[in-house]
Structures are given as structure tokens and as C-alpha cells.
Amino acid sequence: MKTTLYIKNMVCNRCKSTVARELNALGYNIYSLELGKVVLNEGINKENSKLEEILKTHGFEIIKEETEVLIEDIKIAIIKKIEIQDNENISSFLPKTFKKSYSALSKLFSKTEGMTIEKYEINLKIEKVKELIQLGQLNFSEIAYSLDYHSSGHLAKQFKNVTGMSMTEFKNLQRWDRKSIDRIV
């Protein structure tokens, strides 16, 4: 009997490795593992406090409510969309992905997270911009293009609105202030 666990804040490959390591250490046999979701080959008590405690030490938690699962799935879909540089508009991308109206998804997301889907996507993109600036492989125009901004000026304005500094100021910092993806709000 397989058991599916939905895990909050499991948003990158490092997160997947950490969850897999901890589940293996507890003796669980993993059938499949993807961002935000683990399928185990055996049944477990979803109230397993030892598992929950260990996951919590790494900043994860088991999601038990359907609404929370959907919100986490939306976040993961947006993260993947940005990572693969899919330039489709978010308001058409999400309904195709989740087979629900954008209006319904947007209202639920805003109510649960206290911000719009668009704001969440912008915050993720700005963190991606910070990462790309740190890597130093692309200039500002190339970064803007890669993240589907209409111009580097549009990106520059949005970057300043979100961070309070210009991209050049950020680039020149000795200590870069970046948020982990699971801390985007």
C-alpha cells in the first residue's frame, strides 16, 4: 500500500535530497520523489510525530489539508516555470496546469498566502535575478530577456521596487542578501 506525503517548503533539489536522506534514515522505502511530494512504498501513520519532528528541523512540514496541498503545488509550478524559462503568461499557465479557473486559483492563493500570485511570481523572479547577478555570466539585458521582461528598464524598475536598490548597487555589494525560495513572501 503506497502512501503519498505532501511536504511544504520542498522546493529545490537540495530539499529533495534532504527529505530522501531523512526518510531513508527512518527506514522508509521511497517509491517516487518530486518537489513537494513523496510517495512511499508502505503505509504510514500520517500523524507520525518522529517523522514530522525531523522534517521540521529542516524547515519542512507535512501538509494535511487539501487547500494547502494546492497552494504548495501552485508555488512549485511557478518555481519550475521560472527555472525552465517558460514565458507563458501566469494567468494562462496555471489554469492549464491545474484545470481550474485562474480567478479561483488567484483568490485561494491570495487568501491563504496574503499576496497575489503575480506578486509571488515577481518575488521569485527577483530572487532569480539576484542569483544570475551573483553568477556574473549574463549582463542585465540578458537577464531581463531570460526572465521574459519586456526591457532591462522594466526589470530594473521592478528590482528597485522589490529590493529598494538598483541592480548595480546589488551587484557591487560585498554581502549579497538573498532569500531561499521557501522563504519568498
N, C-alpha and C. Protein backbone atom coordinates (compact mmCIF):
# COMPACT_ATOMS: atom_id res chain seq x y z
N MET A 1 0.85 -1.18 0.00
CA MET A 1 0.00 0.00 0.00
C MET A 1 0.90 1.25 0.00
N LYS A 2 0.75 2.07 -1.01
CA LYS A 2 1.56 3.27 -1.14
C LYS A 2 0.94 4.43 -0.34
N THR A 3 1.80 5.29 0.15
CA THR A 3 1.36 6.47 0.89
C THR A 3 1.97 7.71 0.25
N THR A 4 1.14 8.70 0.00
CA THR A 4 1.63 9.96 -0.57
C THR A 4 1.68 11.01 0.52
N LEU A 5 2.83 11.65 0.63
CA LEU A 5 3.02 12.75 1.57
C LEU A 5 3.29 14.01 0.78
N TYR A 6 2.58 15.07 1.11
CA TYR A 6 2.83 16.37 0.51
C TYR A 6 3.63 17.17 1.53
N ILE A 7 4.75 17.71 1.09
CA ILE A 7 5.68 18.35 2.02
C ILE A 7 5.88 19.81 1.65
N LYS A 8 5.58 20.66 2.61
CA LYS A 8 5.71 22.10 2.43
C LYS A 8 7.17 22.50 2.47
N ASN A 9 7.53 23.47 1.61
CA ASN A 9 8.88 24.05 1.52
C ASN A 9 9.90 23.14 0.85
N MET A 10 9.48 22.05 0.24
CA MET A 10 10.40 21.19 -0.50
C MET A 10 10.42 21.71 -1.94
N VAL A 11 11.30 22.69 -2.21
CA VAL A 11 11.21 23.46 -3.44
C VAL A 11 12.46 23.41 -4.32
N CYS A 12 13.42 22.59 -3.97
CA CYS A 12 14.63 22.52 -4.80
C CYS A 12 15.23 21.11 -4.68
N ASN A 13 16.23 20.84 -5.51
CA ASN A 13 16.84 19.52 -5.49
C ASN A 13 17.54 19.21 -4.17
N ARG A 14 18.11 20.24 -3.55
CA ARG A 14 18.74 20.03 -2.24
C ARG A 14 17.70 19.62 -1.21
N CYS A 15 16.52 20.23 -1.31
CA CYS A 15 15.41 19.86 -0.41
C CYS A 15 15.03 18.39 -0.61
N LYS A 16 14.94 17.99 -1.87
CA LYS A 16 14.59 16.60 -2.18
C LYS A 16 15.62 15.64 -1.58
N SER A 17 16.89 15.98 -1.70
CA SER A 17 17.96 15.13 -1.15
C SER A 17 17.85 15.01 0.36
N THR A 18 17.57 16.13 1.00
CA THR A 18 17.45 16.14 2.47
C THR A 18 16.28 15.27 2.92
N VAL A 19 15.13 15.45 2.27
CA VAL A 19 13.95 14.65 2.63
C VAL A 19 14.22 13.17 2.38
N ALA A 20 14.81 12.84 1.24
CA ALA A 20 15.11 11.44 0.93
C ALA A 20 16.05 10.84 1.98
N ARG A 21 17.09 11.58 2.33
CA ARG A 21 18.05 11.10 3.33
C ARG A 21 17.37 10.81 4.66
N GLU A 22 16.51 11.74 5.09
CA GLU A 22 15.84 11.57 6.39
C GLU A 22 14.83 10.42 6.36
N LEU A 23 14.10 10.29 5.27
CA LEU A 23 13.15 9.18 5.16
C LEU A 23 13.89 7.84 5.14
N ASN A 24 14.98 7.77 4.39
CA ASN A 24 15.78 6.54 4.36
C ASN A 24 16.34 6.21 5.73
N ALA A 25 16.80 7.23 6.46
CA ALA A 25 17.35 7.01 7.80
C ALA A 25 16.29 6.46 8.75
N LEU A 26 15.03 6.83 8.52
CA LEU A 26 13.94 6.31 9.35
C LEU A 26 13.43 4.95 8.86
N GLY A 27 14.02 4.46 7.77
CA GLY A 27 13.66 3.13 7.28
C GLY A 27 12.52 3.12 6.27
N TYR A 28 12.14 4.26 5.75
CA TYR A 28 11.07 4.29 4.75
C TYR A 28 11.63 3.99 3.37
N ASN A 29 10.84 3.29 2.56
CA ASN A 29 11.21 2.94 1.21
C ASN A 29 10.48 3.90 0.26
N ILE A 30 11.24 4.71 -0.44
CA ILE A 30 10.66 5.74 -1.31
C ILE A 30 10.36 5.16 -2.69
N TYR A 31 9.11 5.31 -3.12
CA TYR A 31 8.69 4.89 -4.45
C TYR A 31 9.00 5.98 -5.48
N SER A 32 8.63 7.23 -5.14
CA SER A 32 8.94 8.36 -6.01
C SER A 32 9.09 9.62 -5.17
N LEU A 33 9.84 10.55 -5.73
CA LEU A 33 10.13 11.79 -5.02
C LEU A 33 10.19 12.92 -6.03
N GLU A 34 9.40 13.96 -5.79
CA GLU A 34 9.43 15.15 -6.63
C GLU A 34 9.22 16.35 -5.73
N LEU A 35 9.38 17.53 -6.28
CA LEU A 35 9.21 18.73 -5.47
C LEU A 35 7.85 18.73 -4.78
N GLY A 36 7.87 18.81 -3.46
CA GLY A 36 6.63 18.91 -2.70
C GLY A 36 5.88 17.62 -2.47
N LYS A 37 6.39 16.50 -2.98
CA LYS A 37 5.62 15.26 -2.90
C LYS A 37 6.53 14.04 -2.82
N VAL A 38 6.20 13.14 -1.89
CA VAL A 38 6.91 11.88 -1.75
C VAL A 38 5.88 10.77 -1.73
N VAL A 39 6.15 9.71 -2.49
CA VAL A 39 5.30 8.53 -2.44
C VAL A 39 6.15 7.42 -1.84
N LEU A 40 5.64 6.84 -0.76
CA LEU A 40 6.34 5.75 -0.07
C LEU A 40 5.71 4.42 -0.46
N ASN A 41 6.51 3.37 -0.44
CA ASN A 41 6.01 2.04 -0.80
C ASN A 41 5.14 1.42 0.28
N GLU A 42 5.16 1.99 1.46
CA GLU A 42 4.40 1.41 2.56
C GLU A 42 3.45 2.44 3.15
N GLY A 43 2.47 1.94 3.85
CA GLY A 43 1.56 2.82 4.56
C GLY A 43 2.22 3.32 5.83
N ILE A 44 1.93 4.54 6.20
CA ILE A 44 2.42 5.06 7.47
C ILE A 44 1.30 5.85 8.11
N ASN A 45 1.47 6.07 9.36
CA ASN A 45 0.54 6.94 10.07
C ASN A 45 0.94 8.37 9.76
N LYS A 46 0.08 9.12 9.10
CA LYS A 46 0.43 10.49 8.71
C LYS A 46 0.62 11.40 9.92
N GLU A 47 0.29 10.93 11.07
CA GLU A 47 0.49 11.69 12.31
C GLU A 47 1.83 11.33 12.96
N ASN A 48 2.65 10.58 12.25
CA ASN A 48 3.93 10.12 12.76
C ASN A 48 4.74 11.31 13.27
N SER A 49 4.79 11.45 14.60
CA SER A 49 5.43 12.62 15.19
C SER A 49 6.95 12.63 15.00
N LYS A 50 7.60 11.48 14.97
CA LYS A 50 9.05 11.42 14.77
C LYS A 50 9.40 11.97 13.38
N LEU A 51 8.68 11.52 12.36
CA LEU A 51 8.91 11.99 11.00
C LEU A 51 8.65 13.49 10.91
N GLU A 52 7.54 13.94 11.47
CA GLU A 52 7.20 15.36 11.44
C GLU A 52 8.26 16.20 12.15
N GLU A 53 8.74 15.70 13.27
CA GLU A 53 9.76 16.42 14.05
C GLU A 53 11.06 16.56 13.26
N ILE A 54 11.49 15.48 12.62
CA ILE A 54 12.73 15.51 11.84
C ILE A 54 12.59 16.44 10.64
N LEU A 55 11.46 16.36 9.94
CA LEU A 55 11.25 17.24 8.79
C LEU A 55 11.24 18.71 9.22
N LYS A 56 10.64 18.97 10.37
CA LYS A 56 10.54 20.34 10.87
C LYS A 56 11.92 20.93 11.17
N THR A 57 12.87 20.10 11.62
CA THR A 57 14.22 20.61 11.90
C THR A 57 14.90 21.13 10.63
N HIS A 58 14.42 20.67 9.47
CA HIS A 58 14.98 21.11 8.19
C HIS A 58 14.10 22.16 7.52
N GLY A 59 13.05 22.61 8.20
CA GLY A 59 12.18 23.64 7.65
C GLY A 59 11.04 23.11 6.80
N PHE A 60 10.77 21.81 6.87
CA PHE A 60 9.68 21.20 6.10
C PHE A 60 8.53 20.86 7.04
N GLU A 61 7.36 20.65 6.45
CA GLU A 61 6.26 20.10 7.23
C GLU A 61 5.33 19.32 6.32
N ILE A 62 4.70 18.31 6.87
CA ILE A 62 3.75 17.51 6.12
C ILE A 62 2.46 18.31 6.01
N ILE A 63 1.97 18.40 4.79
CA ILE A 63 0.72 19.14 4.54
C ILE A 63 -0.43 18.13 4.62
N LYS A 64 -1.42 18.47 5.40
CA LYS A 64 -2.52 17.54 5.61
C LYS A 64 -3.83 18.02 4.98
N GLU A 65 -3.94 19.32 4.72
CA GLU A 65 -5.19 19.84 4.18
C GLU A 65 -5.08 20.02 2.67
N GLU A 66 -6.15 19.70 1.97
CA GLU A 66 -6.20 19.76 0.52
C GLU A 66 -5.86 21.15 -0.03
N THR A 67 -6.36 22.18 0.63
CA THR A 67 -6.10 23.55 0.19
C THR A 67 -4.61 23.87 0.27
N GLU A 68 -3.97 23.46 1.34
CA GLU A 68 -2.53 23.69 1.50
C GLU A 68 -1.73 22.95 0.43
N VAL A 69 -2.19 21.75 0.07
CA VAL A 69 -1.52 20.98 -0.98
C VAL A 69 -1.61 21.76 -2.30
N LEU A 70 -2.78 22.28 -2.62
CA LEU A 70 -2.96 23.04 -3.86
C LEU A 70 -2.06 24.28 -3.87
N ILE A 71 -2.00 25.00 -2.76
CA ILE A 71 -1.16 26.20 -2.69
C ILE A 71 0.31 25.83 -2.90
N GLU A 72 0.75 24.78 -2.27
CA GLU A 72 2.14 24.34 -2.43
C GLU A 72 2.40 23.92 -3.87
N ASP A 73 1.43 23.24 -4.49
CA ASP A 73 1.56 22.84 -5.89
C ASP A 73 1.65 24.05 -6.81
N ILE A 74 0.89 25.09 -6.51
CA ILE A 74 0.95 26.33 -7.30
C ILE A 74 2.34 26.94 -7.19
N LYS A 75 2.86 27.02 -5.97
CA LYS A 75 4.20 27.58 -5.77
C LYS A 75 5.24 26.79 -6.55
N ILE A 76 5.17 25.48 -6.47
CA ILE A 76 6.15 24.63 -7.16
C ILE A 76 6.03 24.79 -8.67
N ALA A 77 4.80 24.88 -9.18
CA ALA A 77 4.60 25.07 -10.61
C ALA A 77 5.22 26.39 -11.08
N ILE A 78 5.07 27.44 -10.28
CA ILE A 78 5.65 28.75 -10.65
C ILE A 78 7.17 28.69 -10.58
N ILE A 79 7.71 28.03 -9.57
CA ILE A 79 9.16 27.87 -9.46
C ILE A 79 9.70 27.14 -10.69
N LYS A 80 9.06 26.03 -11.06
CA LYS A 80 9.51 25.26 -12.22
C LYS A 80 9.40 26.09 -13.49
N LYS A 81 8.31 26.86 -13.62
CA LYS A 81 8.08 27.71 -14.78
C LYS A 81 9.23 28.71 -14.94
N ILE A 82 9.66 29.30 -13.86
CA ILE A 82 10.76 30.26 -13.91
C ILE A 82 12.08 29.55 -14.21
N GLU A 83 12.31 28.41 -13.59
CA GLU A 83 13.56 27.67 -13.80
C GLU A 83 13.74 27.24 -15.25
N ILE A 84 12.66 26.80 -15.89
CA ILE A 84 12.79 26.35 -17.29
C ILE A 84 12.59 27.50 -18.27
N GLN A 85 12.41 28.69 -17.74
CA GLN A 85 12.25 29.92 -18.53
C GLN A 85 11.06 29.82 -19.48
N ASP A 86 9.95 29.29 -18.96
CA ASP A 86 8.69 29.26 -19.70
C ASP A 86 8.09 30.65 -19.63
N ASN A 87 7.94 31.30 -20.77
CA ASN A 87 7.49 32.68 -20.80
C ASN A 87 5.98 32.85 -20.96
N GLU A 88 5.24 31.77 -20.79
CA GLU A 88 3.79 31.86 -20.89
C GLU A 88 3.24 32.71 -19.74
N ASN A 89 2.22 33.46 -20.03
CA ASN A 89 1.57 34.30 -19.02
C ASN A 89 1.04 33.43 -17.89
N ILE A 90 1.26 33.85 -16.66
CA ILE A 90 0.85 33.07 -15.48
C ILE A 90 -0.66 32.82 -15.46
N SER A 91 -1.44 33.76 -15.98
CA SER A 91 -2.90 33.61 -15.95
C SER A 91 -3.41 32.59 -16.96
N SER A 92 -2.59 32.19 -17.90
CA SER A 92 -2.99 31.09 -18.78
C SER A 92 -2.26 29.79 -18.42
N PHE A 93 -1.07 29.92 -17.86
CA PHE A 93 -0.27 28.76 -17.46
C PHE A 93 -0.94 27.98 -16.32
N LEU A 94 -1.35 28.67 -15.26
CA LEU A 94 -1.90 27.97 -14.09
C LEU A 94 -3.22 27.24 -14.38
N PRO A 95 -4.18 27.85 -15.09
CA PRO A 95 -5.41 27.12 -15.38
C PRO A 95 -5.18 25.83 -16.19
N LYS A 96 -4.22 25.87 -17.12
CA LYS A 96 -3.90 24.66 -17.88
C LYS A 96 -3.27 23.60 -16.97
N THR A 97 -2.45 24.06 -16.07
CA THR A 97 -1.74 23.14 -15.18
C THR A 97 -2.67 22.49 -14.16
N PHE A 98 -3.61 23.28 -13.63
CA PHE A 98 -4.45 22.79 -12.53
C PHE A 98 -5.90 22.53 -12.89
N LYS A 99 -6.27 22.80 -14.14
CA LYS A 99 -7.65 22.56 -14.60
C LYS A 99 -8.69 23.27 -13.73
N LYS A 100 -8.32 24.48 -13.29
CA LYS A 100 -9.22 25.34 -12.52
C LYS A 100 -9.08 26.74 -13.09
N SER A 101 -10.10 27.55 -12.87
CA SER A 101 -10.05 28.92 -13.40
C SER A 101 -8.96 29.71 -12.67
N TYR A 102 -8.37 30.64 -13.39
CA TYR A 102 -7.35 31.48 -12.79
C TYR A 102 -7.93 32.29 -11.63
N SER A 103 -9.14 32.74 -11.80
CA SER A 103 -9.80 33.53 -10.75
C SER A 103 -9.88 32.74 -9.45
N ALA A 104 -10.30 31.49 -9.54
CA ALA A 104 -10.42 30.64 -8.34
C ALA A 104 -9.05 30.40 -7.70
N LEU A 105 -8.07 30.10 -8.54
CA LEU A 105 -6.71 29.86 -8.02
C LEU A 105 -6.15 31.12 -7.37
N SER A 106 -6.36 32.24 -8.04
CA SER A 106 -5.84 33.51 -7.55
C SER A 106 -6.46 33.91 -6.22
N LYS A 107 -7.77 33.76 -6.10
CA LYS A 107 -8.46 34.10 -4.85
C LYS A 107 -7.98 33.22 -3.71
N LEU A 108 -7.88 31.93 -3.97
CA LEU A 108 -7.42 31.00 -2.94
C LEU A 108 -6.00 31.32 -2.51
N PHE A 109 -5.13 31.56 -3.48
CA PHE A 109 -3.73 31.87 -3.18
C PHE A 109 -3.63 33.14 -2.34
N SER A 110 -4.33 34.18 -2.78
CA SER A 110 -4.28 35.47 -2.06
C SER A 110 -4.79 35.33 -0.63
N LYS A 111 -5.88 34.60 -0.49
CA LYS A 111 -6.48 34.42 0.84
C LYS A 111 -5.54 33.64 1.76
N THR A 112 -4.91 32.63 1.23
CA THR A 112 -4.05 31.76 2.04
C THR A 112 -2.68 32.37 2.31
N GLU A 113 -2.08 32.98 1.28
CA GLU A 113 -0.70 33.47 1.38
C GLU A 113 -0.58 34.95 1.71
N GLY A 114 -1.67 35.70 1.59
CA GLY A 114 -1.63 37.13 1.90
C GLY A 114 -0.93 37.95 0.82
N MET A 115 -0.80 37.40 -0.37
CA MET A 115 -0.24 38.12 -1.51
C MET A 115 -0.81 37.50 -2.78
N THR A 116 -0.76 38.25 -3.86
CA THR A 116 -1.27 37.73 -5.13
C THR A 116 -0.27 36.76 -5.75
N ILE A 117 -0.77 35.96 -6.67
CA ILE A 117 0.10 35.05 -7.41
C ILE A 117 1.13 35.86 -8.20
N GLU A 118 0.69 36.97 -8.76
CA GLU A 118 1.59 37.80 -9.55
C GLU A 118 2.74 38.34 -8.69
N LYS A 119 2.42 38.78 -7.49
CA LYS A 119 3.45 39.30 -6.57
C LYS A 119 4.42 38.18 -6.19
N TYR A 120 3.89 36.99 -5.95
CA TYR A 120 4.73 35.84 -5.63
C TYR A 120 5.69 35.55 -6.79
N GLU A 121 5.16 35.56 -8.01
CA GLU A 121 5.99 35.30 -9.18
C GLU A 121 7.07 36.38 -9.33
N ILE A 122 6.70 37.62 -9.12
CA ILE A 122 7.67 38.72 -9.20
C ILE A 122 8.77 38.53 -8.16
N ASN A 123 8.40 38.20 -6.93
CA ASN A 123 9.39 37.98 -5.88
C ASN A 123 10.34 36.83 -6.22
N LEU A 124 9.79 35.75 -6.82
CA LEU A 124 10.64 34.64 -7.25
C LEU A 124 11.59 35.09 -8.35
N LYS A 125 11.07 35.84 -9.30
CA LYS A 125 11.91 36.32 -10.40
C LYS A 125 13.04 37.22 -9.88
N ILE A 126 12.73 38.06 -8.91
CA ILE A 126 13.76 38.95 -8.36
C ILE A 126 14.85 38.12 -7.67
N GLU A 127 14.47 37.07 -6.98
CA GLU A 127 15.48 36.20 -6.37
C GLU A 127 16.31 35.51 -7.44
N LYS A 128 15.67 35.15 -8.54
CA LYS A 128 16.40 34.54 -9.66
C LYS A 128 17.36 35.57 -10.26
N VAL A 129 16.92 36.82 -10.38
CA VAL A 129 17.79 37.89 -10.87
C VAL A 129 19.01 38.02 -9.97
N LYS A 130 18.79 38.00 -8.66
CA LYS A 130 19.91 38.10 -7.72
C LYS A 130 20.91 36.96 -7.95
N GLU A 131 20.37 35.76 -8.14
CA GLU A 131 21.23 34.60 -8.39
C GLU A 131 22.04 34.80 -9.68
N LEU A 132 21.37 35.26 -10.73
CA LEU A 132 22.05 35.45 -12.01
C LEU A 132 23.10 36.58 -11.93
N ILE A 133 22.80 37.61 -11.17
CA ILE A 133 23.79 38.67 -10.97
C ILE A 133 25.01 38.11 -10.24
N GLN A 134 24.78 37.31 -9.22
CA GLN A 134 25.89 36.72 -8.47
C GLN A 134 26.75 35.83 -9.35
N LEU A 135 26.13 35.07 -10.24
CA LEU A 135 26.89 34.17 -11.11
C LEU A 135 27.75 34.95 -12.09
N GLY A 136 27.31 36.16 -12.45
CA GLY A 136 28.10 37.04 -13.31
C GLY A 136 28.26 36.58 -14.75
N GLN A 137 27.41 35.67 -15.20
CA GLN A 137 27.55 35.15 -16.56
C GLN A 137 26.74 35.94 -17.59
N LEU A 138 25.74 36.70 -17.13
CA LEU A 138 24.88 37.45 -18.04
C LEU A 138 24.89 38.92 -17.64
N ASN A 139 24.74 39.80 -18.65
CA ASN A 139 24.58 41.21 -18.31
C ASN A 139 23.10 41.46 -17.99
N PHE A 140 22.77 42.66 -17.57
CA PHE A 140 21.41 42.96 -17.14
C PHE A 140 20.38 42.76 -18.25
N SER A 141 20.73 43.13 -19.46
CA SER A 141 19.80 42.94 -20.60
C SER A 141 19.54 41.46 -20.84
N GLU A 142 20.57 40.66 -20.77
CA GLU A 142 20.41 39.21 -20.97
C GLU A 142 19.59 38.58 -19.85
N ILE A 143 19.78 39.06 -18.63
CA ILE A 143 18.97 38.58 -17.51
C ILE A 143 17.51 38.93 -17.74
N ALA A 144 17.25 40.16 -18.14
CA ALA A 144 15.87 40.60 -18.40
C ALA A 144 15.24 39.74 -19.48
N TYR A 145 15.95 39.51 -20.55
CA TYR A 145 15.44 38.70 -21.66
C TYR A 145 15.16 37.27 -21.19
N SER A 146 16.07 36.69 -20.43
CA SER A 146 15.92 35.30 -19.99
C SER A 146 14.71 35.11 -19.09
N LEU A 147 14.29 36.16 -18.40
CA LEU A 147 13.15 36.06 -17.49
C LEU A 147 11.89 36.71 -18.08
N ASP A 148 11.91 36.95 -19.39
CA ASP A 148 10.75 37.44 -20.15
C ASP A 148 10.30 38.84 -19.73
N TYR A 149 11.24 39.70 -19.41
CA TYR A 149 10.90 41.10 -19.19
C TYR A 149 10.93 41.80 -20.54
N HIS A 150 10.06 42.77 -20.73
CA HIS A 150 9.97 43.48 -22.00
C HIS A 150 11.23 44.31 -22.27
N SER A 151 11.88 44.73 -21.21
CA SER A 151 13.11 45.51 -21.37
C SER A 151 13.92 45.41 -20.07
N SER A 152 15.19 45.74 -20.16
CA SER A 152 16.01 45.73 -18.94
C SER A 152 15.57 46.87 -18.02
N GLY A 153 15.00 47.94 -18.61
CA GLY A 153 14.47 49.04 -17.80
C GLY A 153 13.29 48.61 -16.94
N HIS A 154 12.43 47.76 -17.51
CA HIS A 154 11.29 47.24 -16.74
C HIS A 154 11.78 46.38 -15.57
N LEU A 155 12.75 45.52 -15.86
CA LEU A 155 13.33 44.70 -14.80
C LEU A 155 13.98 45.58 -13.75
N ALA A 156 14.75 46.58 -14.18
CA ALA A 156 15.46 47.46 -13.24
C ALA A 156 14.48 48.15 -12.30
N LYS A 157 13.36 48.62 -12.85
CA LYS A 157 12.36 49.30 -12.03
C LYS A 157 11.73 48.33 -11.03
N GLN A 158 11.38 47.14 -11.50
CA GLN A 158 10.78 46.14 -10.62
C GLN A 158 11.78 45.70 -9.54
N PHE A 159 13.03 45.52 -9.91
CA PHE A 159 14.07 45.13 -8.95
C PHE A 159 14.18 46.18 -7.84
N LYS A 160 14.21 47.44 -8.23
CA LYS A 160 14.33 48.52 -7.25
C LYS A 160 13.10 48.59 -6.35
N ASN A 161 11.90 48.40 -6.93
CA ASN A 161 10.67 48.41 -6.14
C ASN A 161 10.66 47.31 -5.08
N VAL A 162 11.16 46.14 -5.45
CA VAL A 162 11.13 44.99 -4.53
C VAL A 162 12.26 45.05 -3.51
N THR A 163 13.47 45.41 -3.96
CA THR A 163 14.63 45.33 -3.07
C THR A 163 15.03 46.66 -2.44
N GLY A 164 14.59 47.76 -3.06
CA GLY A 164 14.98 49.07 -2.55
C GLY A 164 16.35 49.53 -3.04
N MET A 165 16.95 48.77 -3.95
CA MET A 165 18.25 49.17 -4.51
C MET A 165 18.29 48.83 -5.99
N SER A 166 19.19 49.44 -6.69
CA SER A 166 19.35 49.15 -8.12
C SER A 166 20.09 47.82 -8.28
N MET A 167 20.01 47.26 -9.49
CA MET A 167 20.74 46.02 -9.75
C MET A 167 22.25 46.25 -9.66
N THR A 168 22.71 47.41 -10.08
CA THR A 168 24.14 47.74 -9.98
C THR A 168 24.56 47.81 -8.52
N GLU A 169 23.75 48.46 -7.69
CA GLU A 169 24.06 48.52 -6.25
C GLU A 169 24.13 47.11 -5.67
N PHE A 170 23.17 46.25 -6.06
CA PHE A 170 23.19 44.87 -5.57
C PHE A 170 24.45 44.16 -6.04
N LYS A 171 24.80 44.34 -7.31
CA LYS A 171 25.99 43.68 -7.88
C LYS A 171 27.25 44.09 -7.13
N ASN A 172 27.31 45.34 -6.69
CA ASN A 172 28.50 45.85 -6.02
C ASN A 172 28.57 45.55 -4.52
N LEU A 173 27.52 44.97 -3.98
CA LEU A 173 27.53 44.62 -2.55
C LEU A 173 28.60 43.57 -2.25
N GLN A 174 29.19 43.68 -1.10
CA GLN A 174 30.14 42.65 -0.66
C GLN A 174 29.39 41.42 -0.15
N ARG A 175 28.25 41.68 0.47
CA ARG A 175 27.45 40.60 1.06
C ARG A 175 26.08 40.62 0.42
N TRP A 176 25.79 39.63 -0.40
CA TRP A 176 24.52 39.59 -1.09
C TRP A 176 23.42 39.06 -0.18
N ASP A 177 22.30 39.76 -0.19
CA ASP A 177 21.16 39.37 0.63
C ASP A 177 20.15 38.64 -0.25
N ARG A 178 20.16 37.32 -0.13
CA ARG A 178 19.22 36.53 -0.92
C ARG A 178 18.35 35.71 0.00
N LYS A 179 17.13 35.49 -0.45
CA LYS A 179 16.18 34.64 0.30
C LYS A 179 16.16 33.27 -0.33
N SER A 180 16.00 32.26 0.50
CA SER A 180 15.79 30.94 -0.07
C SER A 180 14.37 30.89 -0.63
N ILE A 181 14.17 30.08 -1.63
CA ILE A 181 12.89 30.05 -2.33
C ILE A 181 11.72 29.74 -1.40
N ASP A 182 11.95 28.92 -0.41
CA ASP A 182 10.85 28.57 0.50
C ASP A 182 10.52 29.72 1.46
N ARG A 183 11.30 30.79 1.43
CA ARG A 183 11.04 31.95 2.30
C ARG A 183 10.49 33.15 1.54
N ILE A 184 10.11 32.96 0.28
CA ILE A 184 9.56 34.04 -0.53
C ILE A 184 8.16 34.37 -0.06
N VAL A 185 7.97 35.62 0.31
CA VAL A 185 6.64 36.12 0.67
C VAL A 185 6.48 37.52 0.14
